[in-house]
C-alpha atoms as a PDB file:
ATOM      1  CA  MET A   1      -8.552   3.880 -20.007  1.00  0.00           C
ATOM      2  CA  ALA A   2     -10.849   0.746 -20.104  1.00  0.00           C
ATOM      3  CA  TRP A   3     -12.152   1.900 -16.911  1.00  0.00           C
ATOM      4  CA  THR A   4     -13.082   5.328 -18.435  1.00  0.00           C
ATOM      5  CA  GLU A   5     -13.620   4.602 -22.048  1.00  0.00           C
ATOM      6  CA  ASP A   6     -16.553   2.170 -23.673  1.00  0.00           C
ATOM      7  CA  PRO A   7     -15.468   0.857 -25.514  1.00  0.00           C
ATOM      8  CA  ALA A   8     -11.561   1.227 -25.196  1.00  0.00           C
ATOM      9  CA  THR A   9      -8.803   1.293 -27.927  1.00  0.00           C
ATOM     10  CA  PHE A  10      -5.371   1.477 -27.567  1.00  0.00           C
ATOM     11  CA  GLU A  11      -2.417   1.282 -29.712  1.00  0.00           C
ATOM     12  CA  GLY A  12       1.107   0.969 -28.026  1.00  0.00           C
ATOM     13  CA  GLU A  13       4.303  -0.295 -28.440  1.00  0.00           C
ATOM     14  CA  HIS A  14       4.005  -3.193 -26.701  1.00  0.00           C
ATOM     15  CA  VAL A  15       0.328  -3.864 -26.539  1.00  0.00           C
ATOM     16  CA  SER A  16      -2.598  -3.184 -28.666  1.00  0.00           C
ATOM     17  CA  PHE A  17      -6.485  -3.439 -28.375  1.00  0.00           C
ATOM     18  CA  ARG A  18      -9.623  -2.526 -30.232  1.00  0.00           C
ATOM     19  CA  ASP A  19     -13.122  -1.804 -28.574  1.00  0.00           C
ATOM     20  CA  VAL A  20     -12.290  -3.468 -25.225  1.00  0.00           C
ATOM     21  CA  ARG A  21     -15.347  -3.230 -22.966  1.00  0.00           C
ATOM     22  CA  VAL A  22     -15.008  -3.535 -18.980  1.00  0.00           C
ATOM     23  CA  LEU A  23     -18.629  -3.687 -17.584  1.00  0.00           C
ATOM     24  CA  PRO A  24     -19.797  -2.277 -15.333  1.00  0.00           C
ATOM     25  CA  GLN A  25     -17.254   0.387 -15.161  1.00  0.00           C
ATOM     26  CA  PRO A  26     -16.348   1.869 -11.711  1.00  0.00           C
ATOM     27  CA  ALA A  27     -18.221   4.349 -10.404  1.00  0.00           C
ATOM     28  CA  HIS A  28     -15.323   6.635  -9.654  1.00  0.00           C
ATOM     29  CA  PRO A  29     -11.107   6.660 -10.230  1.00  0.00           C
ATOM     30  CA  ILE A  30      -9.639   3.690  -8.581  1.00  0.00           C
ATOM     31  CA  PRO A  31      -6.138   4.921  -7.255  1.00  0.00           C
ATOM     32  CA  ILE A  32      -3.441   2.474  -8.315  1.00  0.00           C
ATOM     33  CA  TRP A  33      -0.884   2.066  -5.544  1.00  0.00           C
ATOM     34  CA  ILE A  34       2.661   0.903  -7.027  1.00  0.00           C
ATOM     35  CA  GLY A  35       4.789  -1.069  -4.748  1.00  0.00           C
ATOM     36  CA  GLY A  36       8.547  -2.138  -4.473  1.00  0.00           C
ATOM     37  CA  MET A  37      11.999  -1.134  -2.702  1.00  0.00           C
ATOM     38  CA  SER A  38      14.226  -0.768  -5.775  1.00  0.00           C
ATOM     39  CA  GLU A  39      14.796   2.734  -7.120  1.00  0.00           C
ATOM     40  CA  ARG A  40      13.145   2.002 -10.362  1.00  0.00           C
ATOM     41  CA  ALA A  41      10.081   0.923  -8.270  1.00  0.00           C
ATOM     42  CA  LEU A  42      10.301   4.297  -6.326  1.00  0.00           C
ATOM     43  CA  ARG A  43      10.466   6.140  -9.428  1.00  0.00           C
ATOM     44  CA  ARG A  44       7.558   4.280 -10.756  1.00  0.00           C
ATOM     45  CA  GLY A  45       5.664   5.226  -7.759  1.00  0.00           C
ATOM     46  CA  VAL A  46       6.119   8.768  -7.986  1.00  0.00           C
ATOM     47  CA  GLU A  47       5.735   8.621 -12.127  1.00  0.00           C
ATOM     48  CA  LYS A  48       3.058   6.754 -12.631  1.00  0.00           C
ATOM     49  CA  GLY A  49       1.038   5.658  -9.193  1.00  0.00           C
ATOM     50  CA  ASP A  50      -1.295   7.556  -6.798  1.00  0.00           C
ATOM     51  CA  GLY A  51       0.103   5.837  -3.784  1.00  0.00           C
ATOM     52  CA  HIS A  52       3.313   3.716  -3.218  1.00  0.00           C
ATOM     53  CA  GLN A  53       3.374   0.588  -0.918  1.00  0.00           C
ATOM     54  CA  ILE A  54       6.559   0.263   1.031  1.00  0.00           C
ATOM     55  CA  ILE A  55       7.589  -3.264   1.768  1.00  0.00           C
ATOM     56  CA  GLY A  56       9.508  -5.295   4.290  1.00  0.00           C
ATOM     57  CA  VAL A  57      11.149  -2.352   6.490  1.00  0.00           C
ATOM     58  CA  LYS A  58      11.467  -1.579   9.968  1.00  0.00           C
ATOM     59  CA  PRO A  59      10.682   2.073  10.865  1.00  0.00           C
ATOM     60  CA  HIS A  60      14.127   3.560  10.935  1.00  0.00           C
ATOM     61  CA  GLU A  61      14.378   2.178   7.563  1.00  0.00           C
ATOM     62  CA  ALA A  62      10.966   3.483   6.385  1.00  0.00           C
ATOM     63  CA  ALA A  63      11.765   7.468   6.926  1.00  0.00           C
ATOM     64  CA  PRO A  64      14.422   7.663   4.349  1.00  0.00           C
ATOM     65  CA  VAL A  65      12.393   5.864   1.735  1.00  0.00           C
ATOM     66  CA  ILE A  66       9.454   8.276   2.499  1.00  0.00           C
ATOM     67  CA  GLU A  67      11.388  11.196   2.182  1.00  0.00           C
ATOM     68  CA  ARG A  68      12.689  10.167  -1.199  1.00  0.00           C
ATOM     69  CA  LEU A  69       8.820   9.690  -2.341  1.00  0.00           C
ATOM     70  CA  ARG A  70       7.818  12.631  -0.832  1.00  0.00           C
ATOM     71  CA  ARG A  71      10.508  14.829  -2.674  1.00  0.00           C
ATOM     72  CA  ASP A  72       8.979  14.123  -5.956  1.00  0.00           C
ATOM     73  CA  ARG A  73       5.327  13.450  -4.694  1.00  0.00           C
ATOM     74  CA  PRO A  74       4.584  15.903  -1.771  1.00  0.00           C
ATOM     75  CA  GLU A  75       0.880  15.968  -1.961  1.00  0.00           C
ATOM     76  CA  GLU A  76      -1.032  14.164   0.722  1.00  0.00           C
ATOM     77  CA  THR A  77      -3.388  12.369  -1.703  1.00  0.00           C
ATOM     78  CA  PHE A  78      -0.362  10.575  -2.910  1.00  0.00           C
ATOM     79  CA  THR A  79      -0.694   7.767  -0.316  1.00  0.00           C
ATOM     80  CA  ILE A  80       1.959   5.898   1.473  1.00  0.00           C
ATOM     81  CA  SER A  81       1.363   2.753   2.837  1.00  0.00           C
ATOM     82  CA  LEU A  82       3.525  -0.183   4.403  1.00  0.00           C
ATOM     83  CA  ARG A  83       3.192  -4.026   4.713  1.00  0.00           C
ATOM     84  CA  THR A  84       4.292  -5.772   7.701  1.00  0.00           C
ATOM     85  CA  GLY A  85       3.969  -8.893   9.298  1.00  0.00           C
ATOM     86  CA  TRP A  86       2.463  -7.904  12.495  1.00  0.00           C
ATOM     87  CA  ASP A  87       0.935 -10.993  14.747  1.00  0.00           C
ATOM     88  CA  PRO A  88      -0.156  -9.951  18.332  1.00  0.00           C
ATOM     89  CA  GLN A  89      -0.087 -14.003  18.885  1.00  0.00           C
ATOM     90  CA  GLY A  90       3.463 -14.328  17.941  1.00  0.00           C
ATOM     91  CA  MET A  91       4.631 -10.538  19.000  1.00  0.00           C
ATOM     92  CA  ASP A  92       4.965  -8.195  21.886  1.00  0.00           C
ATOM     93  CA  PRO A  93       2.382  -6.016  21.938  1.00  0.00           C
ATOM     94  CA  ASP A  94       4.550  -3.014  23.019  1.00  0.00           C
ATOM     95  CA  GLU A  95       6.492  -3.760  19.846  1.00  0.00           C
ATOM     96  CA  ILE A  96       3.418  -3.336  17.648  1.00  0.00           C
ATOM     97  CA  ARG A  97       2.486  -0.366  19.158  1.00  0.00           C
ATOM     98  CA  ALA A  98       5.968   1.011  19.120  1.00  0.00           C
ATOM     99  CA  GLU A  99       6.349   0.096  15.539  1.00  0.00           C
ATOM    100  CA  ALA A 100       2.708   1.837  14.296  1.00  0.00           C
ATOM    101  CA  ASP A 101       3.748   5.137  16.169  1.00  0.00           C
ATOM    102  CA  ALA A 102       7.218   5.122  14.605  1.00  0.00           C
ATOM    103  CA  TYR A 103       5.624   4.490  11.193  1.00  0.00           C
ATOM    104  CA  ALA A 104       3.050   6.895  11.205  1.00  0.00           C
ATOM    105  CA  GLU A 105       5.475   9.610  12.656  1.00  0.00           C
ATOM    106  CA  ALA A 106       7.822   8.824   9.503  1.00  0.00           C
ATOM    107  CA  GLY A 107       4.694   9.388   7.664  1.00  0.00           C
ATOM    108  CA  VAL A 108       2.901   5.883   6.678  1.00  0.00           C
ATOM    109  CA  GLN A 109      -0.535   6.368   5.957  1.00  0.00           C
ATOM    110  CA  HIS A 110      -1.567   3.104   6.100  1.00  0.00           C
ATOM    111  CA  VAL A 111      -0.225  -0.312   7.119  1.00  0.00           C
ATOM    112  CA  VAL A 112      -1.395  -3.409   5.672  1.00  0.00           C
ATOM    113  CA  SER A 113      -0.761  -6.268   7.881  1.00  0.00           C
ATOM    114  CA  ALA A 114      -0.656  -9.928   6.954  1.00  0.00           C
ATOM    115  CA  PRO A 115      -0.385 -12.453  10.174  1.00  0.00           C
ATOM    116  CA  TRP A 116       1.521 -15.441   9.817  1.00  0.00           C
ATOM    117  CA  ARG A 117      -1.380 -17.980  10.818  1.00  0.00           C
ATOM    118  CA  SER A 118      -2.249 -20.306   8.573  1.00  0.00           C
ATOM    119  CA  ASP A 119      -5.656 -20.978   9.935  1.00  0.00           C
ATOM    120  CA  LEU A 120      -8.781 -19.027   9.272  1.00  0.00           C
ATOM    121  CA  ASP A 121      -9.914 -18.686  12.921  1.00  0.00           C
ATOM    122  CA  SER A 122      -6.206 -17.894  14.195  1.00  0.00           C
ATOM    123  CA  TRP A 123      -6.093 -15.379  11.439  1.00  0.00           C
ATOM    124  CA  LEU A 124      -9.206 -13.729  12.196  1.00  0.00           C
ATOM    125  CA  ARG A 125      -8.336 -13.678  16.170  1.00  0.00           C
ATOM    126  CA  SER A 126      -4.929 -12.229  15.017  1.00  0.00           C
ATOM    127  CA  MET A 127      -6.640  -9.278  13.210  1.00  0.00           C
ATOM    128  CA  GLU A 128      -8.976  -8.741  15.952  1.00  0.00           C
ATOM    129  CA  LEU A 129      -6.218  -8.503  18.603  1.00  0.00           C
ATOM    130  CA  LEU A 130      -4.409  -6.293  15.978  1.00  0.00           C
ATOM    131  CA  ALA A 131      -7.157  -3.878  15.470  1.00  0.00           C
ATOM    132  CA  GLU A 132      -7.582  -3.430  19.438  1.00  0.00           C
ATOM    133  CA  LEU A 133      -3.790  -2.386  19.453  1.00  0.00           C
ATOM    134  CA  VAL A 134      -3.466  -0.001  16.645  1.00  0.00           C
ATOM    135  CA  VAL A 135      -6.811   1.144  15.724  1.00  0.00           C
ATOM    136  CA  GLY A 136      -8.114   4.259  16.682  1.00  0.00           C
ATOM    137  CA  ARG A 137      -5.201   5.321  18.326  1.00  0.00           C
END
């Protein structure tokens, strides 16, 4: 509401505000992805979100979750994303490639990776190696 109305006013059961301004307003609608793995989180994703972020599952565990989400939101514009901990400096590159392929086959449209490196140079190197392994495949 505050992204599309200027000023925005809302009266709800738990929250109310009057004449709030958010400037600059977005140039276009911003998609909202809901995250989580509980049934309630999955329901919230399909009811309220433009996409859903799956967290902490291996490829064979992703397929039933994606089927569950697609049952209620079959349109391709409902984005399904997944978070991994891929780190090519500490994992077998073939395992990363195989998982990337399996996630794609299951219906994951985006993968967000968070290598476990703690210093910037190592983290950037992991991201460069990861891009070489999976981007543009």
